[in-house]
């Protein structure tokens, strides 16, 4: 209810006095009307007219299309191109593996031969007499250190484990790993600094599916707004989503042996140096002596596959 004051001429007041239903005060007439507040239609309320969605006090955001063209697409394109470039740089930095000496190959093959002999002991294609002869010969050679690439240890000399720093092959592997780590780390640091400097605080995209509040800190890094919808993604969070989510695209573009995988990016952290690498030298002296004990144990489990072969064949074809 509100009052409306209108200035009218005396003629208009006299002509409308009978129809007005209100008192005249000279040339001024005061009327009162009941005007209900305007109602929003269902479509307007569902679209959030006035910046508010129906049943929610959180204002809706309307992003400028230039944010999509000049922030969202450039960050995604730069991440893809840097990943492809990183793959080819890693491929160029990888050196071909050095050839092993004949003594080193003989040392490794002796261990493999013993493993195969033990694995087939319970269903061996070799009769027990031949199996025992091979097993005992390997055990004596392992005990004496015949297959060691540096030769049998001297009397009174305590064998020491190999030092990876004194092995040229191990040093080359460590240097190659450090180069790969630098190629993985430096571009990511540059891209993160570029996004923080130019696009800090930008809201780029809204995810089309609902999320819980636990994802807010992950999707809205760099934006301190507790009332914003969880589905909105900031520029820095979009960088991390691309960092871990482009592996499938890299596999399609570069193939299955791509070197731009996020798993390798995680391995490029300083903490990865504390974990043992697969290329570190092994102490074959201890390995061969432990294998000798395994061979002696496997002899008791030996069973020739040809035992009673005649009876089994006749039973299979119903002759017995």
C-alpha atoms as a PDB file:
ATOM      1  CA  UNK A   1       0.000   0.000   0.000  1.00  0.00           C
ATOM      2  CA  UNK A   2       1.446   3.374  -0.892  1.00  0.00           C
ATOM      3  CA  UNK A   3       0.282   6.930  -1.507  1.00  0.00           C
ATOM      4  CA  UNK A   4       0.370   8.547  -4.897  1.00  0.00           C
ATOM      5  CA  UNK A   5       0.271  12.282  -5.205  1.00  0.00           C
ATOM      6  CA  UNK A   6      -0.794  13.729  -8.488  1.00  0.00           C
ATOM      7  CA  UNK A   7      -1.036  17.380  -9.469  1.00  0.00           C
ATOM      8  CA  UNK A   8      -4.209  17.942 -11.386  1.00  0.00           C
ATOM      9  CA  UNK A   9      -5.864  21.057 -12.709  1.00  0.00           C
ATOM     10  CA  UNK A  10      -9.081  22.280 -11.175  1.00  0.00           C
ATOM     11  CA  UNK A  11     -10.993  21.257 -14.297  1.00  0.00           C
ATOM     12  CA  UNK A  12      -9.816  17.687 -14.179  1.00  0.00           C
ATOM     13  CA  UNK A  13     -10.541  17.517 -10.472  1.00  0.00           C
ATOM     14  CA  UNK A  14     -14.077  18.759 -10.981  1.00  0.00           C
ATOM     15  CA  UNK A  15     -14.725  16.357 -13.857  1.00  0.00           C
ATOM     16  CA  UNK A  16     -13.508  13.314 -12.011  1.00  0.00           C
ATOM     17  CA  UNK A  17     -14.815  14.114  -8.549  1.00  0.00           C
ATOM     18  CA  UNK A  18     -17.788  11.812  -8.863  1.00  0.00           C
ATOM     19  CA  UNK A  19     -15.735   8.887 -10.053  1.00  0.00           C
ATOM     20  CA  UNK A  20     -12.663   9.209  -7.918  1.00  0.00           C
ATOM     21  CA  UNK A  21     -14.033   7.913  -4.644  1.00  0.00           C
ATOM     22  CA  UNK A  22     -11.455  10.032  -2.814  1.00  0.00           C
ATOM     23  CA  UNK A  23     -11.444  13.463  -1.096  1.00  0.00           C
ATOM     24  CA  UNK A  24     -10.325  16.603  -2.911  1.00  0.00           C
ATOM     25  CA  UNK A  25      -7.851  18.983  -1.363  1.00  0.00           C
ATOM     26  CA  UNK A  26      -7.736  21.914  -3.794  1.00  0.00           C
ATOM     27  CA  UNK A  27      -5.674  20.992  -6.836  1.00  0.00           C
ATOM     28  CA  UNK A  28      -4.098  17.941  -5.211  1.00  0.00           C
ATOM     29  CA  UNK A  29      -5.737  14.555  -4.978  1.00  0.00           C
ATOM     30  CA  UNK A  30      -4.395  11.751  -2.749  1.00  0.00           C
ATOM     31  CA  UNK A  31      -5.354   8.214  -3.657  1.00  0.00           C
ATOM     32  CA  UNK A  32      -4.424   4.923  -2.101  1.00  0.00           C
ATOM     33  CA  UNK A  33      -4.011   1.668  -4.040  1.00  0.00           C
ATOM     34  CA  UNK A  34      -3.126  -1.877  -3.112  1.00  0.00           C
ATOM     35  CA  UNK A  35      -0.287  -3.049  -5.404  1.00  0.00           C
ATOM     36  CA  UNK A  36       0.958  -6.591  -4.642  1.00  0.00           C
ATOM     37  CA  UNK A  37       4.681  -7.205  -5.238  1.00  0.00           C
ATOM     38  CA  UNK A  38       5.517  -8.565  -8.689  1.00  0.00           C
ATOM     39  CA  UNK A  39       5.748 -12.350  -8.818  1.00  0.00           C
ATOM     40  CA  UNK A  40       8.381 -14.326 -10.702  1.00  0.00           C
ATOM     41  CA  UNK A  41       7.220 -16.955 -13.108  1.00  0.00           C
ATOM     42  CA  UNK A  42       8.362 -20.539 -12.729  1.00  0.00           C
ATOM     43  CA  UNK A  43      10.724 -20.234 -15.694  1.00  0.00           C
ATOM     44  CA  UNK A  44      12.249 -17.037 -14.358  1.00  0.00           C
ATOM     45  CA  UNK A  45      12.770 -18.533 -10.921  1.00  0.00           C
ATOM     46  CA  UNK A  46      14.366 -21.667 -12.341  1.00  0.00           C
ATOM     47  CA  UNK A  47      16.744 -19.543 -14.400  1.00  0.00           C
ATOM     48  CA  UNK A  48      17.704 -17.469 -11.388  1.00  0.00           C
ATOM     49  CA  UNK A  49      16.346 -14.059 -12.518  1.00  0.00           C
ATOM     50  CA  UNK A  50      17.966 -11.308 -10.519  1.00  0.00           C
ATOM     51  CA  UNK A  51      21.022 -13.398  -9.800  1.00  0.00           C
ATOM     52  CA  UNK A  52      19.405 -15.820  -7.364  1.00  0.00           C
ATOM     53  CA  UNK A  53      18.306 -19.391  -7.993  1.00  0.00           C
ATOM     54  CA  UNK A  54      14.984 -20.654  -6.694  1.00  0.00           C
ATOM     55  CA  UNK A  55      15.289 -22.024  -3.163  1.00  0.00           C
ATOM     56  CA  UNK A  56      18.903 -20.872  -2.783  1.00  0.00           C
ATOM     57  CA  UNK A  57      20.508 -17.680  -1.502  1.00  0.00           C
ATOM     58  CA  UNK A  58      23.746 -18.251  -3.425  1.00  0.00           C
ATOM     59  CA  UNK A  59      24.013 -15.834  -6.359  1.00  0.00           C
ATOM     60  CA  UNK A  60      24.559 -17.344  -9.801  1.00  0.00           C
ATOM     61  CA  UNK A  61      27.667 -16.421 -11.767  1.00  0.00           C
ATOM     62  CA  UNK A  62      27.589 -15.413 -15.411  1.00  0.00           C
ATOM     63  CA  UNK A  63      31.055 -15.801 -16.936  1.00  0.00           C
ATOM     64  CA  UNK A  64      32.320 -13.575 -19.670  1.00  0.00           C
ATOM     65  CA  UNK A  65      32.910 -15.585 -22.893  1.00  0.00           C
ATOM     66  CA  UNK A  66      36.331 -13.959 -23.163  1.00  0.00           C
ATOM     67  CA  UNK A  67      37.424 -15.928 -20.091  1.00  0.00           C
ATOM     68  CA  UNK A  68      36.784 -19.090 -22.067  1.00  0.00           C
ATOM     69  CA  UNK A  69      38.645 -17.792 -25.122  1.00  0.00           C
ATOM     70  CA  UNK A  70      41.631 -16.143 -23.420  1.00  0.00           C
ATOM     71  CA  UNK A  71      42.097 -18.163 -20.215  1.00  0.00           C
ATOM     72  CA  UNK A  72      40.474 -21.624 -20.380  1.00  0.00           C
ATOM     73  CA  UNK A  73      41.557 -22.603 -23.896  1.00  0.00           C
ATOM     74  CA  UNK A  74      45.115 -21.186 -23.636  1.00  0.00           C
ATOM     75  CA  UNK A  75      45.856 -23.048 -20.377  1.00  0.00           C
ATOM     76  CA  UNK A  76      44.579 -26.325 -21.809  1.00  0.00           C
ATOM     77  CA  UNK A  77      46.453 -25.878 -25.098  1.00  0.00           C
ATOM     78  CA  UNK A  78      49.715 -24.968 -23.363  1.00  0.00           C
ATOM     79  CA  UNK A  79      49.458 -28.023 -21.098  1.00  0.00           C
ATOM     80  CA  UNK A  80      48.953 -30.328 -24.097  1.00  0.00           C
ATOM     81  CA  UNK A  81      51.805 -28.814 -26.129  1.00  0.00           C
ATOM     82  CA  UNK A  82      54.206 -28.842 -23.176  1.00  0.00           C
ATOM     83  CA  UNK A  83      53.401 -32.507 -22.498  1.00  0.00           C
ATOM     84  CA  UNK A  84      54.133 -33.447 -26.122  1.00  0.00           C
ATOM     85  CA  UNK A  85      57.351 -31.420 -26.119  1.00  0.00           C
ATOM     86  CA  UNK A  86      58.413 -33.012 -22.828  1.00  0.00           C
ATOM     87  CA  UNK A  87      57.894 -36.467 -24.319  1.00  0.00           C
ATOM     88  CA  UNK A  88      60.243 -35.830 -27.230  1.00  0.00           C
ATOM     89  CA  UNK A  89      62.863 -34.163 -25.020  1.00  0.00           C
ATOM     90  CA  UNK A  90      62.888 -37.202 -22.721  1.00  0.00           C
ATOM     91  CA  UNK A  91      63.229 -39.495 -25.745  1.00  0.00           C
ATOM     92  CA  UNK A  92      66.217 -37.476 -26.996  1.00  0.00           C
ATOM     93  CA  UNK A  93      67.907 -37.540 -23.588  1.00  0.00           C
ATOM     94  CA  UNK A  94      67.611 -41.291 -23.195  1.00  0.00           C
ATOM     95  CA  UNK A  95      70.871 -43.011 -24.015  1.00  0.00           C
ATOM     96  CA  UNK A  96      70.941 -46.568 -25.389  1.00  0.00           C
ATOM     97  CA  UNK A  97      71.766 -49.199 -22.774  1.00  0.00           C
ATOM     98  CA  UNK A  98      75.369 -50.321 -22.693  1.00  0.00           C
ATOM     99  CA  UNK A  99      76.188 -53.875 -23.616  1.00  0.00           C
ATOM    100  CA  UNK A 100      77.066 -56.214 -20.781  1.00  0.00           C
ATOM    101  CA  UNK A 101      80.291 -58.145 -20.729  1.00  0.00           C
ATOM    102  CA  UNK A 102      80.323 -61.872 -21.319  1.00  0.00           C
ATOM    103  CA  UNK A 103      81.116 -62.553 -17.647  1.00  0.00           C
ATOM    104  CA  UNK A 104      78.170 -60.423 -16.467  1.00  0.00           C
ATOM    105  CA  UNK A 105      75.770 -62.203 -18.849  1.00  0.00           C
ATOM    106  CA  UNK A 106      77.083 -65.592 -17.676  1.00  0.00           C
ATOM    107  CA  UNK A 107      76.517 -64.565 -14.062  1.00  0.00           C
ATOM    108  CA  UNK A 108      72.895 -63.589 -14.723  1.00  0.00           C
ATOM    109  CA  UNK A 109      72.101 -66.628 -16.865  1.00  0.00           C
ATOM    110  CA  UNK A 110      73.372 -69.016 -14.178  1.00  0.00           C
ATOM    111  CA  UNK A 111      70.855 -67.550 -11.735  1.00  0.00           C
ATOM    112  CA  UNK A 112      68.045 -67.800 -14.300  1.00  0.00           C
ATOM    113  CA  UNK A 113      68.957 -71.417 -15.057  1.00  0.00           C
ATOM    114  CA  UNK A 114      68.748 -72.300 -11.378  1.00  0.00           C
ATOM    115  CA  UNK A 115      65.355 -70.581 -11.045  1.00  0.00           C
ATOM    116  CA  UNK A 116      63.934 -72.546 -13.986  1.00  0.00           C
ATOM    117  CA  UNK A 117      65.271 -75.803 -12.560  1.00  0.00           C
ATOM    118  CA  UNK A 118      63.624 -75.146  -9.199  1.00  0.00           C
ATOM    119  CA  UNK A 119      60.313 -74.005 -10.687  1.00  0.00           C
ATOM    120  CA  UNK A 120      59.888 -77.300 -12.573  1.00  0.00           C
ATOM    121  CA  UNK A 121      60.982 -79.622  -9.757  1.00  0.00           C
ATOM    122  CA  UNK A 122      57.456 -80.706  -8.769  1.00  0.00           C
ATOM    123  CA  UNK A 123      56.601 -81.630 -12.378  1.00  0.00           C
ATOM    124  CA  UNK A 124      60.017 -81.986 -13.940  1.00  0.00           C
ATOM    125  CA  UNK A 125      60.631 -83.258 -17.485  1.00  0.00           C
ATOM    126  CA  UNK A 126      64.039 -84.546 -16.330  1.00  0.00           C
ATOM    127  CA  UNK A 127      64.470 -87.863 -14.487  1.00  0.00           C
ATOM    128  CA  UNK A 128      65.678 -87.627 -10.925  1.00  0.00           C
ATOM    129  CA  UNK A 129      69.209 -88.842 -11.668  1.00  0.00           C
ATOM    130  CA  UNK A 130      69.795 -86.120 -14.270  1.00  0.00           C
ATOM    131  CA  UNK A 131      68.024 -83.513 -12.146  1.00  0.00           C
ATOM    132  CA  UNK A 132      70.183 -84.328  -9.133  1.00  0.00           C
ATOM    133  CA  UNK A 133      73.364 -84.162 -11.200  1.00  0.00           C
ATOM    134  CA  UNK A 134      72.503 -80.726 -12.604  1.00  0.00           C
ATOM    135  CA  UNK A 135      71.390 -79.421  -9.218  1.00  0.00           C
ATOM    136  CA  UNK A 136      74.529 -80.582  -7.425  1.00  0.00           C
ATOM    137  CA  UNK A 137      76.820 -79.155 -10.094  1.00  0.00           C
ATOM    138  CA  UNK A 138      75.090 -75.771  -9.818  1.00  0.00           C
ATOM    139  CA  UNK A 139      75.267 -75.879  -6.021  1.00  0.00           C
ATOM    140  CA  UNK A 140      79.011 -76.550  -6.072  1.00  0.00           C
ATOM    141  CA  UNK A 141      79.580 -73.770  -8.588  1.00  0.00           C
ATOM    142  CA  UNK A 142      77.517 -71.310  -6.539  1.00  0.00           C
ATOM    143  CA  UNK A 143      79.419 -72.230  -3.389  1.00  0.00           C
ATOM    144  CA  UNK A 144      82.794 -71.762  -5.076  1.00  0.00           C
ATOM    145  CA  UNK A 145      81.791 -68.547  -6.861  1.00  0.00           C
ATOM    146  CA  UNK A 146      82.551 -69.961 -10.316  1.00  0.00           C
ATOM    147  CA  UNK A 147      79.886 -67.888 -12.085  1.00  0.00           C
ATOM    148  CA  UNK A 148      80.811 -64.552 -10.519  1.00  0.00           C
ATOM    149  CA  UNK A 149      81.952 -62.038 -13.114  1.00  0.00           C
ATOM    150  CA  UNK A 150      84.868 -60.923 -10.937  1.00  0.00           C
ATOM    151  CA  UNK A 151      85.915 -64.500 -10.274  1.00  0.00           C
ATOM    152  CA  UNK A 152      85.838 -66.518  -7.042  1.00  0.00           C
ATOM    153  CA  UNK A 153      86.643 -64.515  -3.905  1.00  0.00           C
ATOM    154  CA  UNK A 154      90.157 -64.961  -2.540  1.00  0.00           C
ATOM    155  CA  UNK A 155      90.840 -66.796   0.681  1.00  0.00           C
ATOM    156  CA  UNK A 156      90.425 -64.587   3.731  1.00  0.00           C
ATOM    157  CA  UNK A 157      88.809 -61.823   1.697  1.00  0.00           C
ATOM    158  CA  UNK A 158      85.384 -60.662   2.839  1.00  0.00           C
ATOM    159  CA  UNK A 159      83.129 -59.996  -0.146  1.00  0.00           C
ATOM    160  CA  UNK A 160      81.700 -56.486  -0.140  1.00  0.00           C
ATOM    161  CA  UNK A 161      78.523 -55.409  -1.920  1.00  0.00           C
ATOM    162  CA  UNK A 162      79.107 -53.453  -5.117  1.00  0.00           C
ATOM    163  CA  UNK A 163      79.245 -49.693  -4.845  1.00  0.00           C
ATOM    164  CA  UNK A 164      76.886 -48.035  -7.348  1.00  0.00           C
ATOM    165  CA  UNK A 165      79.116 -44.949  -7.492  1.00  0.00           C
ATOM    166  CA  UNK A 166      82.031 -47.021  -8.776  1.00  0.00           C
ATOM    167  CA  UNK A 167      80.002 -48.683 -11.531  1.00  0.00           C
ATOM    168  CA  UNK A 168      80.028 -46.614 -14.774  1.00  0.00           C
ATOM    169  CA  UNK A 169      76.757 -48.165 -15.933  1.00  0.00           C
ATOM    170  CA  UNK A 170      75.052 -47.261 -12.653  1.00  0.00           C
ATOM    171  CA  UNK A 171      76.406 -43.711 -12.833  1.00  0.00           C
ATOM    172  CA  UNK A 172      75.055 -43.315 -16.359  1.00  0.00           C
ATOM    173  CA  UNK A 173      71.661 -44.536 -15.176  1.00  0.00           C
ATOM    174  CA  UNK A 174      71.631 -42.050 -12.300  1.00  0.00           C
ATOM    175  CA  UNK A 175      72.560 -39.158 -14.596  1.00  0.00           C
ATOM    176  CA  UNK A 176      69.825 -40.150 -17.045  1.00  0.00           C
ATOM    177  CA  UNK A 177      67.304 -40.230 -14.195  1.00  0.00           C
ATOM    178  CA  UNK A 178      68.342 -36.750 -13.030  1.00  0.00           C
ATOM    179  CA  UNK A 179      67.981 -35.359 -16.560  1.00  0.00           C
ATOM    180  CA  UNK A 180      64.512 -36.847 -16.849  1.00  0.00           C
ATOM    181  CA  UNK A 181      63.513 -35.355 -13.496  1.00  0.00           C
ATOM    182  CA  UNK A 182      64.669 -31.909 -14.560  1.00  0.00           C
ATOM    183  CA  UNK A 183      62.714 -32.160 -17.811  1.00  0.00           C
ATOM    184  CA  UNK A 184      59.613 -33.113 -15.818  1.00  0.00           C
ATOM    185  CA  UNK A 185      59.927 -30.506 -13.048  1.00  0.00           C
ATOM    186  CA  UNK A 186      61.083 -27.315 -14.787  1.00  0.00           C
ATOM    187  CA  UNK A 187      58.167 -26.959 -17.285  1.00  0.00           C
ATOM    188  CA  UNK A 188      55.592 -27.581 -14.563  1.00  0.00           C
ATOM    189  CA  UNK A 189      57.144 -24.900 -12.333  1.00  0.00           C
ATOM    190  CA  UNK A 190      57.144 -22.402 -15.220  1.00  0.00           C
ATOM    191  CA  UNK A 191      53.508 -23.116 -16.143  1.00  0.00           C
ATOM    192  CA  UNK A 192      52.360 -22.806 -12.531  1.00  0.00           C
ATOM    193  CA  UNK A 193      54.148 -19.468 -12.173  1.00  0.00           C
ATOM    194  CA  UNK A 194      52.636 -18.264 -15.442  1.00  0.00           C
ATOM    195  CA  UNK A 195      49.106 -19.148 -14.281  1.00  0.00           C
ATOM    196  CA  UNK A 196      49.605 -17.575 -10.838  1.00  0.00           C
ATOM    197  CA  UNK A 197      50.952 -14.351 -12.353  1.00  0.00           C
ATOM    198  CA  UNK A 198      48.456 -13.761 -15.175  1.00  0.00           C
ATOM    199  CA  UNK A 199      45.307 -15.705 -14.206  1.00  0.00           C
ATOM    200  CA  UNK A 200      45.240 -15.649 -10.422  1.00  0.00           C
ATOM    201  CA  UNK A 201      41.684 -15.624  -9.033  1.00  0.00           C
ATOM    202  CA  UNK A 202      39.964 -16.460 -12.326  1.00  0.00           C
ATOM    203  CA  UNK A 203      36.887 -18.692 -12.341  1.00  0.00           C
ATOM    204  CA  UNK A 204      36.971 -20.675 -15.569  1.00  0.00           C
ATOM    205  CA  UNK A 205      34.346 -23.394 -15.752  1.00  0.00           C
ATOM    206  CA  UNK A 206      31.453 -24.997 -13.905  1.00  0.00           C
ATOM    207  CA  UNK A 207      31.315 -28.766 -13.719  1.00  0.00           C
ATOM    208  CA  UNK A 208      28.003 -30.262 -14.934  1.00  0.00           C
ATOM    209  CA  UNK A 209      27.613 -32.709 -12.025  1.00  0.00           C
ATOM    210  CA  UNK A 210      27.096 -32.141  -8.277  1.00  0.00           C
ATOM    211  CA  UNK A 211      29.952 -32.490  -5.805  1.00  0.00           C
ATOM    212  CA  UNK A 212      30.345 -32.491  -2.046  1.00  0.00           C
ATOM    213  CA  UNK A 213      32.061 -29.775  -0.036  1.00  0.00           C
ATOM    214  CA  UNK A 214      35.140 -31.949   0.287  1.00  0.00           C
ATOM    215  CA  UNK A 215      36.110 -31.024  -3.288  1.00  0.00           C
ATOM    216  CA  UNK A 216      35.985 -27.278  -2.633  1.00  0.00           C
ATOM    217  CA  UNK A 217      39.616 -26.948  -1.564  1.00  0.00           C
ATOM    218  CA  UNK A 218      40.713 -28.981  -4.587  1.00  0.00           C
ATOM    219  CA  UNK A 219      38.638 -27.184  -7.238  1.00  0.00           C
ATOM    220  CA  UNK A 220      38.839 -23.601  -5.969  1.00  0.00           C
ATOM    221  CA  UNK A 221      42.499 -23.061  -5.166  1.00  0.00           C
ATOM    222  CA  UNK A 222      43.397 -19.402  -5.021  1.00  0.00           C
ATOM    223  CA  UNK A 223      39.786 -18.247  -4.430  1.00  0.00           C
ATOM    224  CA  UNK A 224      38.753 -17.523  -0.834  1.00  0.00           C
ATOM    225  CA  UNK A 225      34.968 -17.528  -1.225  1.00  0.00           C
ATOM    226  CA  UNK A 226      33.194 -19.879   1.211  1.00  0.00           C
ATOM    227  CA  UNK A 227      29.740 -19.274  -0.350  1.00  0.00           C
ATOM    228  CA  UNK A 228      30.633 -20.192  -3.940  1.00  0.00           C
ATOM    229  CA  UNK A 229      29.219 -23.371  -5.438  1.00  0.00           C
ATOM    230  CA  UNK A 230      31.623 -26.303  -5.284  1.00  0.00           C
ATOM    231  CA  UNK A 231      31.291 -26.996  -9.011  1.00  0.00           C
ATOM    232  CA  UNK A 232      33.096 -23.809 -10.046  1.00  0.00           C
ATOM    233  CA  UNK A 233      36.753 -24.407 -10.962  1.00  0.00           C
ATOM    234  CA  UNK A 234      39.520 -21.845 -10.554  1.00  0.00           C
ATOM    235  CA  UNK A 235      42.464 -21.358 -12.918  1.00  0.00           C
ATOM    236  CA  UNK A 236      45.021 -23.018 -10.636  1.00  0.00           C
ATOM    237  CA  UNK A 237      42.734 -25.988 -10.017  1.00  0.00           C
ATOM    238  CA  UNK A 238      42.162 -26.324 -13.758  1.00  0.00           C
ATOM    239  CA  UNK A 239      45.931 -26.623 -14.146  1.00  0.00           C
ATOM    240  CA  UNK A 240      46.036 -29.539 -11.680  1.00  0.00           C
ATOM    241  CA  UNK A 241      43.077 -31.238 -13.363  1.00  0.00           C
ATOM    242  CA  UNK A 242      44.894 -31.072 -16.688  1.00  0.00           C
ATOM    243  CA  UNK A 243      48.117 -32.199 -15.037  1.00  0.00           C
ATOM    244  CA  UNK A 244      46.569 -35.511 -13.969  1.00  0.00           C
ATOM    245  CA  UNK A 245      43.813 -35.852 -16.572  1.00  0.00           C
ATOM    246  CA  UNK A 246      45.664 -35.540 -19.888  1.00  0.00           C
ATOM    247  CA  UNK A 247      47.369 -38.941 -19.704  1.00  0.00           C
ATOM    248  CA  UNK A 248      44.710 -40.581 -21.868  1.00  0.00           C
ATOM    249  CA  UNK A 249      45.085 -37.871 -24.527  1.00  0.00           C
ATOM    250  CA  UNK A 250      48.877 -38.298 -24.466  1.00  0.00           C
ATOM    251  CA  UNK A 251      48.478 -42.041 -25.037  1.00  0.00           C
ATOM    252  CA  UNK A 252      46.246 -41.377 -28.040  1.00  0.00           C
ATOM    253  CA  UNK A 253      48.608 -38.812 -29.568  1.00  0.00           C
ATOM    254  CA  UNK A 254      51.980 -40.320 -28.647  1.00  0.00           C
ATOM    255  CA  UNK A 255      51.164 -44.006 -28.307  1.00  0.00           C
ATOM    256  CA  UNK A 256      51.533 -46.403 -25.401  1.00  0.00           C
ATOM    257  CA  UNK A 257      55.224 -45.645 -24.772  1.00  0.00           C
ATOM    258  CA  UNK A 258      54.698 -41.952 -24.110  1.00  0.00           C
ATOM    259  CA  UNK A 259      57.029 -40.279 -21.606  1.00  0.00           C
ATOM    260  CA  UNK A 260      54.615 -37.513 -20.508  1.00  0.00           C
ATOM    261  CA  UNK A 261      52.706 -39.594 -17.987  1.00  0.00           C
ATOM    262  CA  UNK A 262      51.703 -38.002 -14.688  1.00  0.00           C
ATOM    263  CA  UNK A 263      53.064 -41.022 -12.838  1.00  0.00           C
ATOM    264  CA  UNK A 264      56.513 -40.106 -14.118  1.00  0.00           C
ATOM    265  CA  UNK A 265      55.875 -36.520 -13.075  1.00  0.00           C
ATOM    266  CA  UNK A 266      55.222 -37.693  -9.543  1.00  0.00           C
ATOM    267  CA  UNK A 267      58.387 -39.795  -9.660  1.00  0.00           C
ATOM    268  CA  UNK A 268      60.268 -36.629 -10.563  1.00  0.00           C
ATOM    269  CA  UNK A 269      59.922 -35.320  -7.002  1.00  0.00           C
ATOM    270  CA  UNK A 270      62.860 -35.100  -4.592  1.00  0.00           C
ATOM    271  CA  UNK A 271      61.334 -37.915  -2.526  1.00  0.00           C
ATOM    272  CA  UNK A 272      61.794 -40.344  -5.429  1.00  0.00           C
ATOM    273  CA  UNK A 273      65.535 -40.441  -4.749  1.00  0.00           C
ATOM    274  CA  UNK A 274      64.886 -42.239  -1.458  1.00  0.00           C
ATOM    275  CA  UNK A 275      63.293 -45.230  -3.199  1.00  0.00           C
ATOM    276  CA  UNK A 276      65.505 -47.934  -4.732  1.00  0.00           C
ATOM    277  CA  UNK A 277      65.694 -47.991  -8.495  1.00  0.00           C
ATOM    278  CA  UNK A 278      65.437 -51.089 -10.654  1.00  0.00           C
ATOM    279  CA  UNK A 279      68.819 -50.496 -12.295  1.00  0.00           C
ATOM    280  CA  UNK A 280      70.928 -50.593  -9.110  1.00  0.00           C
ATOM    281  CA  UNK A 281      73.640 -53.263  -9.016  1.00  0.00           C
ATOM    282  CA  UNK A 282      72.911 -56.479  -7.139  1.00  0.00           C
ATOM    283  CA  UNK A 283      75.187 -58.549  -4.931  1.00  0.00           C
ATOM    284  CA  UNK A 284      75.296 -61.773  -6.947  1.00  0.00           C
ATOM    285  CA  UNK A 285      77.556 -63.432  -4.383  1.00  0.00           C
ATOM    286  CA  UNK A 286      74.722 -63.435  -1.842  1.00  0.00           C
ATOM    287  CA  UNK A 287      72.116 -64.277  -4.456  1.00  0.00           C
ATOM    288  CA  UNK A 288      73.988 -67.354  -5.697  1.00  0.00           C
ATOM    289  CA  UNK A 289      74.613 -68.658  -2.184  1.00  0.00           C
ATOM    290  CA  UNK A 290      70.925 -68.266  -1.328  1.00  0.00           C
ATOM    291  CA  UNK A 291      70.040 -70.038  -4.570  1.00  0.00           C
ATOM    292  CA  UNK A 292      72.203 -72.982  -3.544  1.00  0.00           C
ATOM    293  CA  UNK A 293      70.027 -73.509  -0.454  1.00  0.00           C
ATOM    294  CA  UNK A 294      66.887 -73.336  -2.591  1.00  0.00           C
ATOM    295  CA  UNK A 295      68.242 -76.001  -4.934  1.00  0.00           C
ATOM    296  CA  UNK A 296      68.876 -78.408  -2.073  1.00  0.00           C
ATOM    297  CA  UNK A 297      65.331 -77.909  -0.831  1.00  0.00           C
ATOM    298  CA  UNK A 298      63.869 -78.405  -4.336  1.00  0.00           C
ATOM    299  CA  UNK A 299      65.517 -81.842  -4.681  1.00  0.00           C
ATOM    300  CA  UNK A 300      63.141 -83.228  -2.071  1.00  0.00           C
ATOM    301  CA  UNK A 301      60.151 -81.989  -4.093  1.00  0.00           C
ATOM    302  CA  UNK A 302      61.266 -83.530  -7.375  1.00  0.00           C
ATOM    303  CA  UNK A 303      58.764 -85.625  -9.294  1.00  0.00           C
ATOM    304  CA  UNK A 304      59.389 -86.792 -12.822  1.00  0.00           C
ATOM    305  CA  UNK A 305      56.530 -86.276 -15.231  1.00  0.00           C
ATOM    306  CA  UNK A 306      57.329 -89.629 -16.890  1.00  0.00           C
ATOM    307  CA  UNK A 307      56.661 -91.777 -13.808  1.00  0.00           C
ATOM    308  CA  UNK A 308      54.077 -94.484 -14.661  1.00  0.00           C
ATOM    309  CA  UNK A 309      53.483 -92.866 -18.034  1.00  0.00           C
ATOM    310  CA  UNK A 310      52.414 -96.211 -19.552  1.00  0.00           C
ATOM    311  CA  UNK A 311      49.740 -96.820 -16.936  1.00  0.00           C
ATOM    312  CA  UNK A 312      48.344 -93.319 -17.230  1.00  0.00           C
ATOM    313  CA  UNK A 313      48.123 -93.476 -21.005  1.00  0.00           C
ATOM    314  CA  UNK A 314      46.331 -96.848 -20.936  1.00  0.00           C
ATOM    315  CA  UNK A 315      43.873 -95.577 -18.312  1.00  0.00           C
ATOM    316  CA  UNK A 316      43.208 -92.474 -20.364  1.00  0.00           C
ATOM    317  CA  UNK A 317      42.164 -94.449 -23.420  1.00  0.00           C
ATOM    318  CA  UNK A 318      40.274 -97.134 -21.468  1.00  0.00           C
ATOM    319  CA  UNK A 319      42.699 -99.977 -21.973  1.00  0.00           C
ATOM    320  CA  UNK A 320      42.909-100.758 -18.269  1.00  0.00           C
END
